Protein backbone atom coordinates (compact mmCIF):
# COMPACT_ATOMS: atom_id res chain seq x y z
CA MET A 1 15.70 226.72 -46.17
CA ALA A 2 13.93 229.26 -43.99
CA ILE A 3 14.27 232.98 -44.65
CA THR A 4 14.58 235.11 -41.52
CA ARG A 5 14.35 238.85 -41.11
CA THR A 6 17.35 240.68 -39.64
CA LYS A 7 16.66 242.75 -36.53
CA PRO A 8 17.44 246.46 -36.92
CA ALA A 9 20.05 246.43 -34.12
CA ALA A 10 21.89 243.52 -35.72
CA ALA A 11 21.83 245.28 -39.08
CA ALA A 12 23.25 248.46 -37.52
CA ALA A 13 26.01 246.50 -35.77
CA LEU A 14 26.88 244.68 -38.99
CA THR A 15 26.99 247.98 -40.89
CA ALA A 16 29.26 249.58 -38.27
CA ALA A 17 31.58 246.55 -38.31
CA ALA A 18 31.77 246.65 -42.10
CA LEU A 19 32.57 250.38 -42.11
CA LEU A 20 35.32 249.91 -39.50
CA GLY A 21 36.70 247.00 -41.51
CA LEU A 22 36.78 249.11 -44.66
CA ALA A 23 38.48 251.95 -42.78
CA ALA A 24 41.22 249.53 -41.71
CA CYS A 25 41.81 248.67 -45.36
CA ALA A 26 42.45 252.27 -46.37
CA ASP A 27 45.35 252.97 -48.69
CA PRO A 28 48.28 253.98 -46.47
CA GLY A 29 49.81 255.85 -49.40
CA ALA A 30 46.83 258.14 -49.64
CA THR A 31 46.86 261.58 -48.10
CA ALA A 32 45.65 261.87 -44.54
CA ALA A 33 41.95 262.31 -43.96
CA THR A 34 40.61 265.66 -42.93
CA ALA A 35 39.52 266.18 -39.35
CA PRO A 36 35.96 265.47 -38.32
CA SER A 37 33.71 268.53 -38.11
CA SER A 38 32.29 267.67 -34.68
CA SER A 39 34.16 266.96 -31.42
CA SER A 40 32.28 263.68 -31.01
CA ALA A 41 30.66 261.04 -33.14
CA THR A 42 28.08 258.38 -32.43
CA VAL A 43 28.31 255.02 -34.17
CA ALA A 44 25.98 252.14 -33.31
CA GLY A 45 24.99 253.93 -30.11
CA LYS A 46 28.60 254.45 -28.94
CA GLN A 47 29.95 257.98 -28.39
CA PHE A 48 33.53 258.72 -29.55
CA ASN A 49 35.63 261.71 -28.44
CA LEU A 50 37.22 263.29 -31.53
CA SER A 51 38.56 266.40 -29.81
CA PRO A 52 42.29 267.05 -29.21
CA GLU A 53 41.66 266.68 -25.46
CA GLN A 54 41.64 262.91 -25.00
CA ASP A 55 40.75 261.21 -21.73
CA ARG A 56 43.26 258.37 -22.02
CA PHE A 57 43.46 255.51 -19.57
CA LYS A 58 45.93 256.10 -16.75
CA VAL A 59 49.17 254.12 -16.45
CA THR A 60 51.91 254.15 -13.85
CA VAL A 61 55.66 254.27 -14.38
CA ASP A 62 57.33 250.86 -14.28
CA PRO A 63 60.77 251.60 -12.77
CA ALA A 64 62.25 248.30 -14.02
CA ALA A 65 61.12 249.00 -17.59
CA ALA A 66 62.14 252.67 -17.37
CA ALA A 67 65.66 251.61 -16.34
CA LEU A 68 66.00 249.71 -19.64
CA VAL A 69 65.31 252.76 -21.84
CA PRO A 70 68.47 253.65 -23.80
CA GLU A 71 70.23 256.84 -22.69
CA ALA A 72 69.81 258.35 -26.18
CA ILE A 73 66.02 258.24 -25.69
CA LYS A 74 66.07 259.21 -22.00
CA ALA A 75 68.25 262.26 -22.67
CA ASP A 76 65.39 264.61 -23.54
CA GLY A 77 62.80 262.78 -21.42
CA LYS A 78 60.60 262.33 -24.46
CA LEU A 79 59.46 259.44 -26.65
CA THR A 80 58.78 260.71 -30.17
CA ILE A 81 56.43 258.46 -32.10
CA VAL A 82 54.96 258.88 -35.55
CA SER A 83 51.83 257.63 -37.24
CA THR A 84 50.21 258.36 -40.57
CA GLY A 85 46.98 259.82 -39.19
CA GLY A 86 44.70 258.58 -41.93
CA THR A 87 43.34 255.22 -40.81
CA ALA A 88 40.52 255.56 -38.28
CA PRO A 89 40.16 254.16 -35.65
CA LEU A 90 43.91 253.42 -35.50
CA SER A 91 45.21 256.92 -36.09
CA LEU A 92 43.34 260.00 -37.23
CA PHE A 93 43.36 263.74 -36.78
CA ALA A 94 41.26 265.33 -34.05
CA THR A 95 38.87 268.17 -34.75
CA ASP A 96 41.74 270.67 -34.68
CA ASN A 97 43.16 268.91 -37.77
CA LYS A 98 46.65 268.65 -36.21
CA THR A 99 46.45 266.47 -33.08
CA LEU A 100 46.78 262.73 -33.63
CA ILE A 101 44.25 260.55 -31.82
CA GLY A 102 43.22 256.91 -32.09
CA SER A 103 44.14 253.52 -30.67
CA GLU A 104 47.73 253.58 -31.99
CA VAL A 105 48.28 256.96 -30.36
CA ASP A 106 46.71 255.74 -27.10
CA ILE A 107 49.12 252.78 -27.11
CA ALA A 108 52.06 255.14 -27.69
CA TYR A 109 51.04 257.26 -24.69
CA ALA A 110 50.63 254.16 -22.51
CA VAL A 111 54.09 252.85 -23.48
CA GLY A 112 55.82 256.21 -23.11
CA GLU A 113 54.23 257.04 -19.78
CA THR A 114 54.98 253.54 -18.45
CA LEU A 115 58.63 254.22 -19.31
CA GLY A 116 58.50 257.57 -17.51
CA LEU A 117 58.72 259.60 -20.71
CA GLU A 118 56.69 262.47 -22.12
CA VAL A 119 55.12 261.44 -25.43
CA GLU A 120 55.25 263.47 -28.62
CA ALA A 121 52.99 262.04 -31.34
CA LEU A 122 53.67 263.41 -34.82
CA PRO A 123 52.01 262.79 -38.17
CA VAL A 124 54.26 261.55 -40.95
CA ALA A 125 53.74 260.42 -44.54
CA TRP A 126 53.68 256.65 -45.00
CA ALA A 127 56.80 256.68 -47.17
CA ASP A 128 58.82 258.78 -44.69
CA TRP A 129 58.59 256.86 -41.42
CA PRO A 130 61.13 254.06 -42.11
CA LEU A 131 63.99 256.48 -42.82
CA GLY A 132 62.94 258.75 -39.94
CA VAL A 133 63.11 255.87 -37.45
CA GLU A 134 66.35 254.50 -38.92
CA SER A 135 68.01 257.92 -38.77
CA GLY A 136 66.94 258.52 -35.17
CA LYS A 137 64.63 261.43 -36.00
CA TYR A 138 61.78 259.41 -34.42
CA GLU A 139 62.12 256.77 -31.74
CA ALA A 140 59.12 254.68 -32.77
CA VAL A 141 56.36 254.29 -35.30
CA LEU A 142 52.91 252.93 -34.61
CA SER A 143 51.14 252.26 -37.86
CA ASN A 144 49.09 249.39 -39.16
CA VAL A 145 51.01 247.48 -41.83
CA THR A 146 49.11 244.91 -43.85
CA VAL A 147 50.96 241.83 -45.05
CA THR A 148 51.03 241.73 -48.85
CA GLU A 149 52.84 239.46 -51.25
CA ALA A 150 55.20 242.31 -52.22
CA ARG A 151 56.09 242.97 -48.56
CA LYS A 152 56.83 239.30 -47.97
CA GLU A 153 59.78 239.55 -50.34
């Protein structure tokens, strides 16, 4: 068996992947993480915008999909979504410590804007989102849910 040396770039990529994997395994019952102290971060040579002003990808309204939105949601012209805000890169707080950013939030904006709705993204505690959605307080939740044996039952 030959022993090979790992190249520095490969080691950095492996470290970044491991850190992102660990972040995805964060305890959803824990309190939300504090906001980053800088408006951007660099990981493995990639720059990430952590400011409240996000440059999201542009979408266009799909009239056929927008026509299917229930009147109760259309009434105020807004899609209210919630996320826990503590599981980077899925959902985290921007540098202002109140604006939700992350891939789940980006997806929410894409869906809402495609339906012709303004999007309101709110942070919510993990334990509170099911009742909030069921009661109609929020129209949707975007939050990573890991399959566990307890949740299978």
